Every structure is written in C-alpha cells, then in structure tokens.
Amino acid sequence: MHGTLIVIYTARLEECRAFYAGLGLDLRPERHGSGPDHYAAVLEDGAVFELYPAGTREPTGRLRLGFATTAGACGLEPGRHVLDDPDGRAVEVTA
C-alpha cells in the first residue's frame, strides 16, 4: 500500500500555499465543478497534496507531515528540519 492523497483544510489558505510552495511543492490553483477554489500539487511518487479552504468544515488539526527534497531546493541546508506551517502543523523536511 502507498499513499495517494493528502488533503489539508485551512482557514489560512494563502499563507499555507506560500509555506508549502516555499518547500518546493508546485501548487496549482484548481476547482472541480462547483467546489471551492483550492491548490494541488502532484508529488514525485504520484500522490496528490491539496490545500482547501476550511469554509464550513473544521480546519485539519494536529498532524505531522514529512517530505524529502534535494538539498538547497527549498533553501534549507542538508539534513532533517522540523518546521511549523502557518496553522502550527509539524512538517519534517529532509534535504
């Protein structure tokens, strides 16, 4: 089994988009039918990472995510880094 989709609901959509784009995710605007505008990126393994406005839903709460990237691609020195996204979720980045 492998993951195929990660969806985060946030009240701080633009701040989260900027944060995750800064890590190197190619987040593109999307909208499906009459659904809300959101952002999506396809990861190297084919999984999809999406950011949606929370709207009437509860924002995604406590969560820890992990990404691996090429050193320097996101401005981080080689090694393991734990950052907080704008909503306070822990994001581990291995560069």
PDB file of N, CA and C in Angstrom:
ATOM      1  N   MET A   1       0.837  -1.170   0.000  1.00  0.00           N
ATOM      2  CA  MET A   1       0.000   0.000   0.000  1.00  0.00           C
ATOM      3  C   MET A   1       0.889   1.241   0.000  1.00  0.00           C
ATOM      4  N   HIS A   2       0.414   2.274  -0.664  1.00  0.00           N
ATOM      5  CA  HIS A   2       1.104   3.562  -0.607  1.00  0.00           C
ATOM      6  C   HIS A   2       0.063   4.670  -0.645  1.00  0.00           C
ATOM      7  N   GLY A   3       0.438   5.802  -0.101  1.00  0.00           N
ATOM      8  CA  GLY A   3      -0.486   6.927  -0.049  1.00  0.00           C
ATOM      9  C   GLY A   3      -0.711   7.524  -1.430  1.00  0.00           C
ATOM     10  N   THR A   4      -1.917   8.032  -1.655  1.00  0.00           N
ATOM     11  CA  THR A   4      -2.235   8.648  -2.934  1.00  0.00           C
ATOM     12  C   THR A   4      -2.759  10.071  -2.806  1.00  0.00           C
ATOM     13  N   LEU A   5      -3.206  10.458  -1.598  1.00  0.00           N
ATOM     14  CA  LEU A   5      -3.840  11.760  -1.445  1.00  0.00           C
ATOM     15  C   LEU A   5      -3.679  12.282  -0.030  1.00  0.00           C
ATOM     16  N   ILE A   6      -3.303  13.553   0.071  1.00  0.00           N
ATOM     17  CA  ILE A   6      -3.280  14.277   1.346  1.00  0.00           C
ATOM     18  C   ILE A   6      -4.070  15.554   1.122  1.00  0.00           C
ATOM     19  N   VAL A   7      -5.101  15.780   1.930  1.00  0.00           N
ATOM     20  CA  VAL A   7      -5.907  16.995   1.827  1.00  0.00           C
ATOM     21  C   VAL A   7      -5.873  17.702   3.171  1.00  0.00           C
ATOM     22  N   ILE A   8      -5.506  18.961   3.146  1.00  0.00           N
ATOM     23  CA  ILE A   8      -5.491  19.785   4.346  1.00  0.00           C
ATOM     24  C   ILE A   8      -6.528  20.891   4.170  1.00  0.00           C
ATOM     25  N   TYR A   9      -7.392  21.042   5.175  1.00  0.00           N
ATOM     26  CA  TYR A   9      -8.375  22.116   5.199  1.00  0.00           C
ATOM     27  C   TYR A   9      -7.846  23.193   6.143  1.00  0.00           C
ATOM     28  N   THR A  10      -7.819  24.432   5.655  1.00  0.00           N
ATOM     29  CA  THR A  10      -7.222  25.505   6.429  1.00  0.00           C
ATOM     30  C   THR A  10      -8.008  26.804   6.303  1.00  0.00           C
ATOM     31  N   ALA A  11      -7.988  27.596   7.360  1.00  0.00           N
ATOM     32  CA  ALA A  11      -8.564  28.938   7.327  1.00  0.00           C
ATOM     33  C   ALA A  11      -7.526  29.948   6.829  1.00  0.00           C
ATOM     34  N   ARG A  12      -6.307  29.470   6.610  1.00  0.00           N
ATOM     35  CA  ARG A  12      -5.202  30.340   6.173  1.00  0.00           C
ATOM     36  C   ARG A  12      -4.650  29.834   4.844  1.00  0.00           C
ATOM     37  N   LEU A  13      -5.521  29.734   3.863  1.00  0.00           N
ATOM     38  CA  LEU A  13      -5.181  29.107   2.588  1.00  0.00           C
ATOM     39  C   LEU A  13      -3.963  29.737   1.917  1.00  0.00           C
ATOM     40  N   GLU A  14      -3.952  31.033   1.765  1.00  0.00           N
ATOM     41  CA  GLU A  14      -2.839  31.675   1.055  1.00  0.00           C
ATOM     42  C   GLU A  14      -1.525  31.565   1.820  1.00  0.00           C
ATOM     43  N   GLU A  15      -1.587  31.670   3.143  1.00  0.00           N
ATOM     44  CA  GLU A  15      -0.368  31.522   3.940  1.00  0.00           C
ATOM     45  C   GLU A  15       0.182  30.101   3.820  1.00  0.00           C
ATOM     46  N   CYS A  16      -0.714  29.107   3.863  1.00  0.00           N
ATOM     47  CA  CYS A  16      -0.266  27.713   3.722  1.00  0.00           C
ATOM     48  C   CYS A  16       0.263  27.457   2.320  1.00  0.00           C
ATOM     49  N   ARG A  17      -0.389  28.037   1.304  1.00  0.00           N
ATOM     50  CA  ARG A  17       0.100  27.867  -0.062  1.00  0.00           C
ATOM     51  C   ARG A  17       1.525  28.404  -0.175  1.00  0.00           C
ATOM     52  N   ALA A  18       1.763  29.576   0.359  1.00  0.00           N
ATOM     53  CA  ALA A  18       3.096  30.167   0.298  1.00  0.00           C
ATOM     54  C   ALA A  18       4.113  29.307   1.048  1.00  0.00           C
ATOM     55  N   PHE A  19       3.738  28.790   2.216  1.00  0.00           N
ATOM     56  CA  PHE A  19       4.640  27.954   3.006  1.00  0.00           C
ATOM     57  C   PHE A  19       5.028  26.692   2.238  1.00  0.00           C
ATOM     58  N   TYR A  20       4.037  25.948   1.759  1.00  0.00           N
ATOM     59  CA  TYR A  20       4.327  24.682   1.072  1.00  0.00           C
ATOM     60  C   TYR A  20       4.984  24.909  -0.284  1.00  0.00           C
ATOM     61  N   ALA A  21       4.637  25.985  -0.968  1.00  0.00           N
ATOM     62  CA  ALA A  21       5.324  26.320  -2.223  1.00  0.00           C
ATOM     63  C   ALA A  21       6.788  26.633  -1.934  1.00  0.00           C
ATOM     64  N   GLY A  22       7.046  27.273  -0.801  1.00  0.00           N
ATOM     65  CA  GLY A  22       8.413  27.574  -0.402  1.00  0.00           C
ATOM     66  C   GLY A  22       9.243  26.333  -0.127  1.00  0.00           C
ATOM     67  N   LEU A  23       8.571  25.215   0.182  1.00  0.00           N
ATOM     68  CA  LEU A  23       9.279  23.943   0.367  1.00  0.00           C
ATOM     69  C   LEU A  23       9.535  23.248  -0.963  1.00  0.00           C
ATOM     70  N   GLY A  24       8.973  23.796  -2.038  1.00  0.00           N
ATOM     71  CA  GLY A  24       9.214  23.221  -3.354  1.00  0.00           C
ATOM     72  C   GLY A  24       8.010  22.548  -3.996  1.00  0.00           C
ATOM     73  N   LEU A  25       6.854  22.550  -3.316  1.00  0.00           N
ATOM     74  CA  LEU A  25       5.668  21.942  -3.921  1.00  0.00           C
ATOM     75  C   LEU A  25       5.128  22.865  -5.012  1.00  0.00           C
ATOM     76  N   ASP A  26       4.845  22.306  -6.167  1.00  0.00           N
ATOM     77  CA  ASP A  26       4.315  23.059  -7.303  1.00  0.00           C
ATOM     78  C   ASP A  26       2.796  23.104  -7.183  1.00  0.00           C
ATOM     79  N   LEU A  27       2.309  23.956  -6.292  1.00  0.00           N
ATOM     80  CA  LEU A  27       0.872  24.067  -6.033  1.00  0.00           C
ATOM     81  C   LEU A  27       0.206  24.908  -7.106  1.00  0.00           C
ATOM     82  N   ARG A  28      -0.786  24.303  -7.744  1.00  0.00           N
ATOM     83  CA  ARG A  28      -1.507  24.987  -8.816  1.00  0.00           C
ATOM     84  C   ARG A  28      -2.966  25.171  -8.424  1.00  0.00           C
ATOM     85  N   PRO A  29      -3.556  26.296  -8.815  1.00  0.00           N
ATOM     86  CA  PRO A  29      -4.966  26.513  -8.497  1.00  0.00           C
ATOM     87  C   PRO A  29      -5.857  25.524  -9.242  1.00  0.00           C
ATOM     88  N   GLU A  30      -6.887  25.037  -8.551  1.00  0.00           N
ATOM     89  CA  GLU A  30      -7.840  24.099  -9.138  1.00  0.00           C
ATOM     90  C   GLU A  30      -9.236  24.408  -8.638  1.00  0.00           C
ATOM     91  N   ARG A  31     -10.192  23.905  -9.366  1.00  0.00           N
ATOM     92  CA  ARG A  31     -11.588  23.945  -8.940  1.00  0.00           C
ATOM     93  C   ARG A  31     -12.305  22.828  -9.681  1.00  0.00           C
ATOM     94  N   HIS A  32     -13.035  22.009  -8.952  1.00  0.00           N
ATOM     95  CA  HIS A  32     -13.766  20.895  -9.547  1.00  0.00           C
ATOM     96  C   HIS A  32     -15.254  21.217  -9.511  1.00  0.00           C
ATOM     97  N   GLY A  33     -15.865  21.411 -10.674  1.00  0.00           N
ATOM     98  CA  GLY A  33     -17.289  21.710 -10.726  1.00  0.00           C
ATOM     99  C   GLY A  33     -17.619  22.951  -9.929  1.00  0.00           C
ATOM    100  N   SER A  34     -18.592  22.819  -9.031  1.00  0.00           N
ATOM    101  CA  SER A  34     -18.999  23.956  -8.206  1.00  0.00           C
ATOM    102  C   SER A  34     -18.281  23.983  -6.858  1.00  0.00           C
ATOM    103  N   GLY A  35     -17.247  23.156  -6.708  1.00  0.00           N
ATOM    104  CA  GLY A  35     -16.488  23.115  -5.457  1.00  0.00           C
ATOM    105  C   GLY A  35     -15.645  24.365  -5.269  1.00  0.00           C
ATOM    106  N   PRO A  36     -14.988  24.467  -4.123  1.00  0.00           N
ATOM    107  CA  PRO A  36     -14.207  25.669  -3.826  1.00  0.00           C
ATOM    108  C   PRO A  36     -12.881  25.716  -4.592  1.00  0.00           C
ATOM    109  N   ASP A  37     -12.397  26.920  -4.817  1.00  0.00           N
ATOM    110  CA  ASP A  37     -11.049  27.087  -5.347  1.00  0.00           C
ATOM    111  C   ASP A  37     -10.082  26.523  -4.314  1.00  0.00           C
ATOM    112  N   HIS A  38      -9.066  25.813  -4.775  1.00  0.00           N
ATOM    113  CA  HIS A  38      -8.065  25.224  -3.881  1.00  0.00           C
ATOM    114  C   HIS A  38      -6.762  25.076  -4.646  1.00  0.00           C
ATOM    115  N   TYR A  39      -5.758  24.506  -4.002  1.00  0.00           N
ATOM    116  CA  TYR A  39      -4.455  24.290  -4.625  1.00  0.00           C
ATOM    117  C   TYR A  39      -4.103  22.816  -4.560  1.00  0.00           C
ATOM    118  N   ALA A  40      -3.400  22.337  -5.600  1.00  0.00           N
ATOM    119  CA  ALA A  40      -2.991  20.934  -5.646  1.00  0.00           C
ATOM    120  C   ALA A  40      -1.598  20.821  -6.245  1.00  0.00           C
ATOM    121  N   ALA A  41      -0.853  19.834  -5.751  1.00  0.00           N
ATOM    122  CA  ALA A  41       0.467  19.510  -6.289  1.00  0.00           C
ATOM    123  C   ALA A  41       0.558  17.995  -6.409  1.00  0.00           C
ATOM    124  N   VAL A  42       1.170  17.524  -7.484  1.00  0.00           N
ATOM    125  CA  VAL A  42       1.426  16.098  -7.650  1.00  0.00           C
ATOM    126  C   VAL A  42       2.862  15.852  -7.203  1.00  0.00           C
ATOM    127  N   LEU A  43       3.029  14.965  -6.222  1.00  0.00           N
ATOM    128  CA  LEU A  43       4.353  14.637  -5.706  1.00  0.00           C
ATOM    129  C   LEU A  43       5.061  13.690  -6.663  1.00  0.00           C
ATOM    130  N   GLU A  44       6.358  13.516  -6.484  1.00  0.00           N
ATOM    131  CA  GLU A  44       7.158  12.680  -7.383  1.00  0.00           C
ATOM    132  C   GLU A  44       6.647  11.251  -7.487  1.00  0.00           C
ATOM    133  N   ASP A  45       6.045  10.730  -6.413  1.00  0.00           N
ATOM    134  CA  ASP A  45       5.553   9.346  -6.442  1.00  0.00           C
ATOM    135  C   ASP A  45       4.132   9.241  -6.985  1.00  0.00           C
ATOM    136  N   GLY A  46       3.571  10.363  -7.434  1.00  0.00           N
ATOM    137  CA  GLY A  46       2.224  10.371  -7.991  1.00  0.00           C
ATOM    138  C   GLY A  46       1.130  10.734  -6.998  1.00  0.00           C
ATOM    139  N   ALA A  47       1.457  10.805  -5.713  1.00  0.00           N
ATOM    140  CA  ALA A  47       0.468  11.208  -4.714  1.00  0.00           C
ATOM    141  C   ALA A  47       0.103  12.669  -4.927  1.00  0.00           C
ATOM    142  N   VAL A  48      -1.105  13.033  -4.527  1.00  0.00           N
ATOM    143  CA  VAL A  48      -1.585  14.401  -4.681  1.00  0.00           C
ATOM    144  C   VAL A  48      -1.689  15.052  -3.300  1.00  0.00           C
ATOM    145  N   PHE A  49      -1.180  16.263  -3.199  1.00  0.00           N
ATOM    146  CA  PHE A  49      -1.238  17.068  -1.981  1.00  0.00           C
ATOM    147  C   PHE A  49      -2.137  18.249  -2.289  1.00  0.00           C
ATOM    148  N   GLU A  50      -3.201  18.452  -1.488  1.00  0.00           N
ATOM    149  CA  GLU A  50      -4.141  19.528  -1.746  1.00  0.00           C
ATOM    150  C   GLU A  50      -4.355  20.397  -0.511  1.00  0.00           C
ATOM    151  N   LEU A  51      -4.559  21.677  -0.756  1.00  0.00           N
ATOM    152  CA  LEU A  51      -4.921  22.642   0.274  1.00  0.00           C
ATOM    153  C   LEU A  51      -6.282  23.210  -0.082  1.00  0.00           C
ATOM    154  N   TYR A  52      -7.237  23.058   0.825  1.00  0.00           N
ATOM    155  CA  TYR A  52      -8.595  23.550   0.625  1.00  0.00           C
ATOM    156  C   TYR A  52      -8.928  24.584   1.690  1.00  0.00           C
ATOM    157  N   PRO A  53      -9.754  25.569   1.333  1.00  0.00           N
ATOM    158  CA  PRO A  53     -10.248  26.475   2.375  1.00  0.00           C
ATOM    159  C   PRO A  53     -11.160  25.698   3.322  1.00  0.00           C
ATOM    160  N   ALA A  54     -11.035  25.945   4.606  1.00  0.00           N
ATOM    161  CA  ALA A  54     -11.841  25.207   5.576  1.00  0.00           C
ATOM    162  C   ALA A  54     -13.325  25.477   5.376  1.00  0.00           C
ATOM    163  N   GLY A  55     -13.682  26.713   5.071  1.00  0.00           N
ATOM    164  CA  GLY A  55     -15.095  27.035   4.877  1.00  0.00           C
ATOM    165  C   GLY A  55     -15.915  26.608   6.080  1.00  0.00           C
ATOM    166  N   THR A  56     -16.931  25.797   5.871  1.00  0.00           N
ATOM    167  CA  THR A  56     -17.788  25.333   6.965  1.00  0.00           C
ATOM    168  C   THR A  56     -17.218  24.102   7.657  1.00  0.00           C
ATOM    169  N   ARG A  57     -16.147  23.534   7.113  1.00  0.00           N
ATOM    170  CA  ARG A  57     -15.501  22.373   7.739  1.00  0.00           C
ATOM    171  C   ARG A  57     -14.522  22.839   8.810  1.00  0.00           C
ATOM    172  N   GLU A  58     -14.233  21.960   9.731  1.00  0.00           N
ATOM    173  CA  GLU A  58     -13.188  22.248  10.709  1.00  0.00           C
ATOM    174  C   GLU A  58     -11.835  22.198  10.005  1.00  0.00           C
ATOM    175  N   PRO A  59     -10.925  23.124  10.317  1.00  0.00           N
ATOM    176  CA  PRO A  59      -9.577  23.019   9.750  1.00  0.00           C
ATOM    177  C   PRO A  59      -8.931  21.705  10.184  1.00  0.00           C
ATOM    178  N   THR A  60      -8.055  21.200   9.347  1.00  0.00           N
ATOM    179  CA  THR A  60      -7.314  19.996   9.695  1.00  0.00           C
ATOM    180  C   THR A  60      -6.494  20.304  10.935  1.00  0.00           C
ATOM    181  N   GLY A  61      -6.661  19.507  11.960  1.00  0.00           N
ATOM    182  CA  GLY A  61      -5.994  19.751  13.235  1.00  0.00           C
ATOM    183  C   GLY A  61      -4.579  19.220  13.267  1.00  0.00           C
ATOM    184  N   ARG A  62      -4.211  18.753  14.425  1.00  0.00           N
ATOM    185  CA  ARG A  62      -2.855  18.281  14.664  1.00  0.00           C
ATOM    186  C   ARG A  62      -2.497  17.189  13.671  1.00  0.00           C
ATOM    187  N   LEU A  63      -1.350  17.344  13.054  1.00  0.00           N
ATOM    188  CA  LEU A  63      -0.902  16.447  12.008  1.00  0.00           C
ATOM    189  C   LEU A  63       0.590  16.650  11.839  1.00  0.00           C
ATOM    190  N   ARG A  64       1.294  15.600  11.530  1.00  0.00           N
ATOM    191  CA  ARG A  64       2.726  15.732  11.220  1.00  0.00           C
ATOM    192  C   ARG A  64       2.936  15.180   9.825  1.00  0.00           C
ATOM    193  N   LEU A  65       3.571  15.964   8.992  1.00  0.00           N
ATOM    194  CA  LEU A  65       3.854  15.575   7.615  1.00  0.00           C
ATOM    195  C   LEU A  65       5.353  15.443   7.432  1.00  0.00           C
ATOM    196  N   GLY A  66       5.758  14.669   6.453  1.00  0.00           N
ATOM    197  CA  GLY A  66       7.170  14.534   6.138  1.00  0.00           C
ATOM    198  C   GLY A  66       7.399  14.581   4.644  1.00  0.00           C
ATOM    199  N   PHE A  67       8.416  15.328   4.229  1.00  0.00           N
ATOM    200  CA  PHE A  67       8.792  15.436   2.825  1.00  0.00           C
ATOM    201  C   PHE A  67      10.298  15.294   2.711  1.00  0.00           C
ATOM    202  N   ALA A  68      10.743  14.745   1.585  1.00  0.00           N
ATOM    203  CA  ALA A  68      12.169  14.695   1.265  1.00  0.00           C
ATOM    204  C   ALA A  68      12.374  15.483  -0.019  1.00  0.00           C
ATOM    205  N   THR A  69      13.450  16.264  -0.051  1.00  0.00           N
ATOM    206  CA  THR A  69      13.734  17.089  -1.217  1.00  0.00           C
ATOM    207  C   THR A  69      15.238  17.175  -1.418  1.00  0.00           C
ATOM    208  N   THR A  70      15.629  17.682  -2.544  1.00  0.00           N
ATOM    209  CA  THR A  70      17.042  17.885  -2.833  1.00  0.00           C
ATOM    210  C   THR A  70      17.564  19.033  -1.982  1.00  0.00           C
ATOM    211  N   ALA A  71      18.737  18.843  -1.401  1.00  0.00           N
ATOM    212  CA  ALA A  71      19.324  19.904  -0.573  1.00  0.00           C
ATOM    213  C   ALA A  71      19.426  21.179  -1.385  1.00  0.00           C
ATOM    214  N   GLY A  72      19.042  22.262  -0.792  1.00  0.00           N
ATOM    215  CA  GLY A  72      19.092  23.562  -1.440  1.00  0.00           C
ATOM    216  C   GLY A  72      17.847  23.900  -2.249  1.00  0.00           C
ATOM    217  N   ALA A  73      17.032  22.908  -2.605  1.00  0.00           N
ATOM    218  CA  ALA A  73      15.845  23.162  -3.424  1.00  0.00           C
ATOM    219  C   ALA A  73      14.841  24.045  -2.695  1.00  0.00           C
ATOM    220  N   CYS A  74      14.821  23.964  -1.376  1.00  0.00           N
ATOM    221  CA  CYS A  74      13.868  24.775  -0.615  1.00  0.00           C
ATOM    222  C   CYS A  74      14.597  25.757   0.306  1.00  0.00           C
ATOM    223  N   GLY A  75      15.876  25.964   0.053  1.00  0.00           N
ATOM    224  CA  GLY A  75      16.631  26.929   0.836  1.00  0.00           C
ATOM    225  C   GLY A  75      17.123  26.408   2.168  1.00  0.00           C
ATOM    226  N   LEU A  76      16.982  25.107   2.404  1.00  0.00           N
ATOM    227  CA  LEU A  76      17.437  24.511   3.657  1.00  0.00           C
ATOM    228  C   LEU A  76      18.778  23.817   3.463  1.00  0.00           C
ATOM    229  N   GLU A  77      19.572  23.835   4.503  1.00  0.00           N
ATOM    230  CA  GLU A  77      20.833  23.098   4.491  1.00  0.00           C
ATOM    231  C   GLU A  77      20.547  21.601   4.485  1.00  0.00           C
ATOM    232  N   PRO A  78      21.473  20.779   4.009  1.00  0.00           N
ATOM    233  CA  PRO A  78      21.258  19.335   4.065  1.00  0.00           C
ATOM    234  C   PRO A  78      20.993  18.879   5.503  1.00  0.00           C
ATOM    235  N   GLY A  79      20.094  17.914   5.638  1.00  0.00           N
ATOM    236  CA  GLY A  79      19.763  17.377   6.948  1.00  0.00           C
ATOM    237  C   GLY A  79      18.267  17.341   7.180  1.00  0.00           C
ATOM    238  N   ARG A  80      17.893  17.066   8.422  1.00  0.00           N
ATOM    239  CA  ARG A  80      16.488  16.961   8.824  1.00  0.00           C
ATOM    240  C   ARG A  80      16.087  18.250   9.528  1.00  0.00           C
ATOM    241  N   HIS A  81      14.955  18.787   9.125  1.00  0.00           N
ATOM    242  CA  HIS A  81      14.434  20.020   9.704  1.00  0.00           C
ATOM    243  C   HIS A  81      12.975  19.809  10.060  1.00  0.00           C
ATOM    244  N   VAL A  82      12.537  20.310  11.207  1.00  0.00           N
ATOM    245  CA  VAL A  82      11.125  20.268  11.574  1.00  0.00           C
ATOM    246  C   VAL A  82      10.644  21.714  11.636  1.00  0.00           C
ATOM    247  N   LEU A  83       9.690  22.032  10.763  1.00  0.00           N
ATOM    248  CA  LEU A  83       9.143  23.380  10.648  1.00  0.00           C
ATOM    249  C   LEU A  83       7.676  23.342  11.035  1.00  0.00           C
ATOM    250  N   ASP A  84       7.100  24.476  11.324  1.00  0.00           N
ATOM    251  CA  ASP A  84       5.664  24.580  11.578  1.00  0.00           C
ATOM    252  C   ASP A  84       5.029  25.341  10.432  1.00  0.00           C
ATOM    253  N   ASP A  85       3.946  24.792   9.879  1.00  0.00           N
ATOM    254  CA  ASP A  85       3.231  25.520   8.837  1.00  0.00           C
ATOM    255  C   ASP A  85       2.409  26.633   9.485  1.00  0.00           C
ATOM    256  N   PRO A  86       1.763  27.490   8.707  1.00  0.00           N
ATOM    257  CA  PRO A  86       1.022  28.614   9.299  1.00  0.00           C
ATOM    258  C   PRO A  86      -0.075  28.228  10.281  1.00  0.00           C
ATOM    259  N   ASP A  87      -0.581  26.992  10.196  1.00  0.00           N
ATOM    260  CA  ASP A  87      -1.587  26.524  11.139  1.00  0.00           C
ATOM    261  C   ASP A  87      -0.988  25.795  12.327  1.00  0.00           C
ATOM    262  N   GLY A  88       0.360  25.677  12.393  1.00  0.00           N
ATOM    263  CA  GLY A  88       1.023  25.027  13.517  1.00  0.00           C
ATOM    264  C   GLY A  88       1.262  23.541  13.350  1.00  0.00           C
ATOM    265  N   ARG A  89       1.005  22.989  12.162  1.00  0.00           N
ATOM    266  CA  ARG A  89       1.284  21.573  11.933  1.00  0.00           C
ATOM    267  C   ARG A  89       2.767  21.368  11.764  1.00  0.00           C
ATOM    268  N   ALA A  90       3.310  20.307  12.338  1.00  0.00           N
ATOM    269  CA  ALA A  90       4.730  19.996  12.195  1.00  0.00           C
ATOM    270  C   ALA A  90       4.982  19.402  10.810  1.00  0.00           C
ATOM    271  N   VAL A  91       5.992  19.941  10.133  1.00  0.00           N
ATOM    272  CA  VAL A  91       6.372  19.470   8.808  1.00  0.00           C
ATOM    273  C   VAL A  91       7.850  19.134   8.854  1.00  0.00           C
ATOM    274  N   GLU A  92       8.164  17.850   8.720  1.00  0.00           N
ATOM    275  CA  GLU A  92       9.556  17.413   8.721  1.00  0.00           C
ATOM    276  C   GLU A  92      10.054  17.390   7.289  1.00  0.00           C
ATOM    277  N   VAL A  93      11.162  18.090   7.060  1.00  0.00           N
ATOM    278  CA  VAL A  93      11.737  18.160   5.716  1.00  0.00           C
ATOM    279  C   VAL A  93      13.153  17.614   5.795  1.00  0.00           C
ATOM    280  N   THR A  94      13.421  16.600   4.995  1.00  0.00           N
ATOM    281  CA  THR A  94      14.781  16.065   4.887  1.00  0.00           C
ATOM    282  C   THR A  94      15.355  16.536   3.563  1.00  0.00           C
ATOM    283  N   ALA A  95      16.405  17.323   3.655  1.00  0.00           N
ATOM    284  CA  ALA A  95      17.021  17.885   2.453  1.00  0.00           C
ATOM    285  C   ALA A  95      18.330  17.167   2.184  1.00  0.00           C
TER     286      ALA A  95
END
